[in-house]
Amino acid sequence: RRWPTDRWAAVARAERAQGHPVVLTGSPAEQGIATRVATLAALPDEANLAGRTSVLELVGVVAAAARVVSGDTGVAHVATSLRTPSVVLFGPVPPSAWGPPPRPEHRVLWHRSVGDPHGTRPDPGLLAISVDDVLAELACVHRGAAA
């Protein structure tokens, strides 16, 4: 159901190559996934916060972030409520159902695929989102935040 770890790692590598600090977040159950992304992206251990923050600390991380990239999860809603610029990847559920309200600082990537949000495999629409798609939207929210 998630965007592949190698793609998250590619985004993280690209962001670091541009001089942007990168941290990973997630629940204790997602520590293994975050560790794999961190390893593939050559991130330092301290960049992996998965399973190491309380809800309040996570809100602080999002509030301090220059930008957030996430799936359509709670972190996306936290970024929206804090007006932290974000790029949110949607798979089987349309942004109109679960997405952030339309604002210039929030970008949505969705390939108009509707499916089972509780499926066991990544949705084809989610897999249609490329690393380049994410990086292009990140460049837009970065420029928008700087303007």
C-alpha atoms as a PDB file:
ATOM      1  CA  ARG A   1       0.000   0.000   0.000  1.00  0.00           C
ATOM      2  CA  ARG A   2       3.010   2.293   0.282  1.00  0.00           C
ATOM      3  CA  TRP A   3       5.101   4.049  -2.298  1.00  0.00           C
ATOM      4  CA  PRO A   4       8.235   1.898  -2.773  1.00  0.00           C
ATOM      5  CA  THR A   5      11.159   2.443  -0.415  1.00  0.00           C
ATOM      6  CA  ASP A   6      13.630   2.893  -3.259  1.00  0.00           C
ATOM      7  CA  ARG A   7      11.603   5.864  -4.512  1.00  0.00           C
ATOM      8  CA  TRP A   8      11.463   7.486  -1.058  1.00  0.00           C
ATOM      9  CA  ALA A   9      15.227   6.982  -0.865  1.00  0.00           C
ATOM     10  CA  ALA A  10      15.739   8.575  -4.292  1.00  0.00           C
ATOM     11  CA  VAL A  11      13.760  11.638  -3.191  1.00  0.00           C
ATOM     12  CA  ALA A  12      15.800  11.834   0.017  1.00  0.00           C
ATOM     13  CA  ARG A  13      19.084  11.560  -1.912  1.00  0.00           C
ATOM     14  CA  ALA A  14      18.018  14.275  -4.344  1.00  0.00           C
ATOM     15  CA  GLU A  15      16.987  16.576  -1.516  1.00  0.00           C
ATOM     16  CA  ARG A  16      20.297  16.067   0.287  1.00  0.00           C
ATOM     17  CA  ALA A  17      22.196  16.651  -2.956  1.00  0.00           C
ATOM     18  CA  GLN A  18      20.511  20.068  -3.111  1.00  0.00           C
ATOM     19  CA  GLY A  19      21.629  20.804   0.429  1.00  0.00           C
ATOM     20  CA  HIS A  20      18.277  20.229   2.118  1.00  0.00           C
ATOM     21  CA  PRO A  21      18.304  18.390   5.444  1.00  0.00           C
ATOM     22  CA  VAL A  22      16.166  15.241   5.428  1.00  0.00           C
ATOM     23  CA  VAL A  23      14.518  13.406   8.314  1.00  0.00           C
ATOM     24  CA  LEU A  24      12.283  10.366   8.199  1.00  0.00           C
ATOM     25  CA  THR A  25       9.308   9.863  10.475  1.00  0.00           C
ATOM     26  CA  GLY A  26       6.992   6.979  11.120  1.00  0.00           C
ATOM     27  CA  SER A  27       5.423   4.829  13.762  1.00  0.00           C
ATOM     28  CA  PRO A  28       7.266   2.122  15.698  1.00  0.00           C
ATOM     29  CA  ALA A  29       5.780  -0.396  13.247  1.00  0.00           C
ATOM     30  CA  GLU A  30       7.399   1.533  10.376  1.00  0.00           C
ATOM     31  CA  GLN A  31      10.927   1.592  11.830  1.00  0.00           C
ATOM     32  CA  GLY A  32      12.109  -1.171   9.510  1.00  0.00           C
ATOM     33  CA  ILE A  33      10.804   0.609   6.438  1.00  0.00           C
ATOM     34  CA  ALA A  34      12.352   3.900   7.536  1.00  0.00           C
ATOM     35  CA  THR A  35      15.665   2.166   8.249  1.00  0.00           C
ATOM     36  CA  ARG A  36      15.660   0.711   4.732  1.00  0.00           C
ATOM     37  CA  VAL A  37      14.937   4.140   3.221  1.00  0.00           C
ATOM     38  CA  ALA A  38      17.671   5.703   5.364  1.00  0.00           C
ATOM     39  CA  THR A  39      20.164   3.037   4.305  1.00  0.00           C
ATOM     40  CA  LEU A  40      19.314   3.371   0.610  1.00  0.00           C
ATOM     41  CA  ALA A  41      19.530   7.165   0.862  1.00  0.00           C
ATOM     42  CA  ALA A  42      22.767   7.084   2.884  1.00  0.00           C
ATOM     43  CA  LEU A  43      21.169   9.164   5.631  1.00  0.00           C
ATOM     44  CA  PRO A  44      22.855   9.386   9.019  1.00  0.00           C
ATOM     45  CA  ASP A  45      21.258   7.434  11.877  1.00  0.00           C
ATOM     46  CA  GLU A  46      19.988  10.600  13.548  1.00  0.00           C
ATOM     47  CA  ALA A  47      17.911  11.407  10.448  1.00  0.00           C
ATOM     48  CA  ASN A  48      15.671   8.403  11.129  1.00  0.00           C
ATOM     49  CA  LEU A  49      13.084   9.474  13.710  1.00  0.00           C
ATOM     50  CA  ALA A  50      10.662   6.626  12.980  1.00  0.00           C
ATOM     51  CA  GLY A  51       9.301   5.238  16.210  1.00  0.00           C
ATOM     52  CA  ARG A  52      11.350   7.711  18.257  1.00  0.00           C
ATOM     53  CA  THR A  53       8.939  10.623  18.610  1.00  0.00           C
ATOM     54  CA  SER A  54       5.793  11.217  20.585  1.00  0.00           C
ATOM     55  CA  VAL A  55       2.835  12.721  18.749  1.00  0.00           C
ATOM     56  CA  LEU A  56       3.721  16.133  20.175  1.00  0.00           C
ATOM     57  CA  GLU A  57       7.358  15.777  19.091  1.00  0.00           C
ATOM     58  CA  LEU A  58       6.215  14.734  15.605  1.00  0.00           C
ATOM     59  CA  VAL A  59       4.091  17.880  15.380  1.00  0.00           C
ATOM     60  CA  GLY A  60       7.192  19.868  16.337  1.00  0.00           C
ATOM     61  CA  VAL A  61       9.236  18.174  13.602  1.00  0.00           C
ATOM     62  CA  VAL A  62       6.591  19.000  11.004  1.00  0.00           C
ATOM     63  CA  ALA A  63       6.256  22.571  12.277  1.00  0.00           C
ATOM     64  CA  ALA A  64      10.015  23.086  11.967  1.00  0.00           C
ATOM     65  CA  ALA A  65      10.273  21.487   8.521  1.00  0.00           C
ATOM     66  CA  ALA A  66      10.814  23.591   5.433  1.00  0.00           C
ATOM     67  CA  ARG A  67       8.748  21.054   3.468  1.00  0.00           C
ATOM     68  CA  VAL A  68       7.065  17.705   4.017  1.00  0.00           C
ATOM     69  CA  VAL A  69       6.629  14.827   1.593  1.00  0.00           C
ATOM     70  CA  SER A  70       4.251  12.080   2.647  1.00  0.00           C
ATOM     71  CA  GLY A  71       1.606   9.641   1.648  1.00  0.00           C
ATOM     72  CA  ASP A  72      -1.984  10.502   2.456  1.00  0.00           C
ATOM     73  CA  THR A  73      -1.430   9.957   6.175  1.00  0.00           C
ATOM     74  CA  GLY A  74      -1.797  11.861   9.403  1.00  0.00           C
ATOM     75  CA  VAL A  75       1.472  13.687   8.795  1.00  0.00           C
ATOM     76  CA  ALA A  76      -0.066  15.230   5.683  1.00  0.00           C
ATOM     77  CA  HIS A  77      -2.906  16.593   7.782  1.00  0.00           C
ATOM     78  CA  VAL A  78      -0.486  17.924  10.395  1.00  0.00           C
ATOM     79  CA  ALA A  79       1.491  19.724   7.674  1.00  0.00           C
ATOM     80  CA  THR A  80      -1.726  21.170   6.290  1.00  0.00           C
ATOM     81  CA  SER A  81      -2.913  22.401   9.662  1.00  0.00           C
ATOM     82  CA  LEU A  82       0.467  23.989  10.372  1.00  0.00           C
ATOM     83  CA  ARG A  83       0.723  25.361   6.828  1.00  0.00           C
ATOM     84  CA  THR A  84       4.052  23.627   6.365  1.00  0.00           C
ATOM     85  CA  PRO A  85       4.525  23.326   2.585  1.00  0.00           C
ATOM     86  CA  SER A  86       3.883  19.758   1.518  1.00  0.00           C
ATOM     87  CA  VAL A  87       3.671  17.275  -1.300  1.00  0.00           C
ATOM     88  CA  VAL A  88       1.206  14.457  -0.647  1.00  0.00           C
ATOM     89  CA  LEU A  89       1.093  11.231  -2.658  1.00  0.00           C
ATOM     90  CA  PHE A  90      -2.343   9.678  -3.168  1.00  0.00           C
ATOM     91  CA  GLY A  91      -3.083   6.168  -4.370  1.00  0.00           C
ATOM     92  CA  PRO A  92      -6.480   4.548  -4.289  1.00  0.00           C
ATOM     93  CA  VAL A  93      -8.411   7.324  -2.557  1.00  0.00           C
ATOM     94  CA  PRO A  94      -9.002  10.688  -4.233  1.00  0.00           C
ATOM     95  CA  PRO A  95      -7.634  13.805  -2.547  1.00  0.00           C
ATOM     96  CA  SER A  96     -11.167  15.186  -2.472  1.00  0.00           C
ATOM     97  CA  ALA A  97     -12.003  12.489   0.083  1.00  0.00           C
ATOM     98  CA  TRP A  98      -8.885  12.459   2.263  1.00  0.00           C
ATOM     99  CA  GLY A  99      -6.694  15.288   1.028  1.00  0.00           C
ATOM    100  CA  PRO A 100      -5.602  18.675   2.255  1.00  0.00           C
ATOM    101  CA  PRO A 101      -7.714  21.677   1.398  1.00  0.00           C
ATOM    102  CA  PRO A 102      -6.562  23.414  -1.780  1.00  0.00           C
ATOM    103  CA  ARG A 103      -3.819  25.846  -0.795  1.00  0.00           C
ATOM    104  CA  PRO A 104      -0.786  27.011  -2.757  1.00  0.00           C
ATOM    105  CA  GLU A 105       1.631  25.550  -0.203  1.00  0.00           C
ATOM    106  CA  HIS A 106       0.197  22.029  -0.538  1.00  0.00           C
ATOM    107  CA  ARG A 107       0.641  19.937  -3.666  1.00  0.00           C
ATOM    108  CA  VAL A 108      -1.197  16.720  -4.385  1.00  0.00           C
ATOM    109  CA  LEU A 109       0.008  13.964  -6.671  1.00  0.00           C
ATOM    110  CA  TRP A 110      -2.748  11.609  -7.769  1.00  0.00           C
ATOM    111  CA  HIS A 111      -3.210   9.681 -11.010  1.00  0.00           C
ATOM    112  CA  ARG A 112      -6.978   9.418 -10.720  1.00  0.00           C
ATOM    113  CA  SER A 113      -6.860   5.792  -9.682  1.00  0.00           C
ATOM    114  CA  VAL A 114      -9.569   4.647  -7.291  1.00  0.00           C
ATOM    115  CA  GLY A 115      -9.134   1.363  -5.478  1.00  0.00           C
ATOM    116  CA  ASP A 116      -8.977  -0.370  -2.117  1.00  0.00           C
ATOM    117  CA  PRO A 117      -7.266   1.764   0.549  1.00  0.00           C
ATOM    118  CA  HIS A 118      -6.819  -1.381   2.649  1.00  0.00           C
ATOM    119  CA  GLY A 119      -5.338  -3.510  -0.130  1.00  0.00           C
ATOM    120  CA  THR A 120      -2.202  -5.533   0.392  1.00  0.00           C
ATOM    121  CA  ARG A 121      -0.374  -4.210  -2.682  1.00  0.00           C
ATOM    122  CA  PRO A 122       0.493  -0.687  -3.786  1.00  0.00           C
ATOM    123  CA  ASP A 123      -2.248   0.872  -5.871  1.00  0.00           C
ATOM    124  CA  PRO A 124      -1.357   1.201  -9.578  1.00  0.00           C
ATOM    125  CA  GLY A 125      -2.108   4.925  -9.373  1.00  0.00           C
ATOM    126  CA  LEU A 126       0.327   5.322  -6.506  1.00  0.00           C
ATOM    127  CA  LEU A 127       2.964   3.413  -8.457  1.00  0.00           C
ATOM    128  CA  ALA A 128       2.359   5.736 -11.430  1.00  0.00           C
ATOM    129  CA  ILE A 129       3.815   8.602  -9.363  1.00  0.00           C
ATOM    130  CA  SER A 130       7.485   8.916 -10.247  1.00  0.00           C
ATOM    131  CA  VAL A 131      10.413  10.286  -8.288  1.00  0.00           C
ATOM    132  CA  ASP A 132      10.633  13.065 -10.888  1.00  0.00           C
ATOM    133  CA  ASP A 133       6.959  13.924 -10.247  1.00  0.00           C
ATOM    134  CA  VAL A 134       7.667  14.326  -6.539  1.00  0.00           C
ATOM    135  CA  LEU A 135      10.836  16.355  -7.088  1.00  0.00           C
ATOM    136  CA  ALA A 136       9.049  18.673  -9.514  1.00  0.00           C
ATOM    137  CA  GLU A 137       6.294  19.362  -6.984  1.00  0.00           C
ATOM    138  CA  LEU A 138       8.860  19.838  -4.218  1.00  0.00           C
ATOM    139  CA  ALA A 139      10.550  22.476  -6.359  1.00  0.00           C
ATOM    140  CA  CYS A 140       7.209  24.255  -6.680  1.00  0.00           C
ATOM    141  CA  VAL A 141       6.415  24.301  -2.975  1.00  0.00           C
ATOM    142  CA  HIS A 142       9.971  25.382  -2.272  1.00  0.00           C
ATOM    143  CA  ARG A 143       9.672  28.310  -4.655  1.00  0.00           C
ATOM    144  CA  GLY A 144       6.203  29.099  -3.349  1.00  0.00           C
ATOM    145  CA  ALA A 145       7.436  29.104   0.255  1.00  0.00           C
ATOM    146  CA  ALA A 146      10.363  31.344  -0.645  1.00  0.00           C
ATOM    147  CA  ALA A 147       8.241  33.852  -2.565  1.00  0.00           C
END
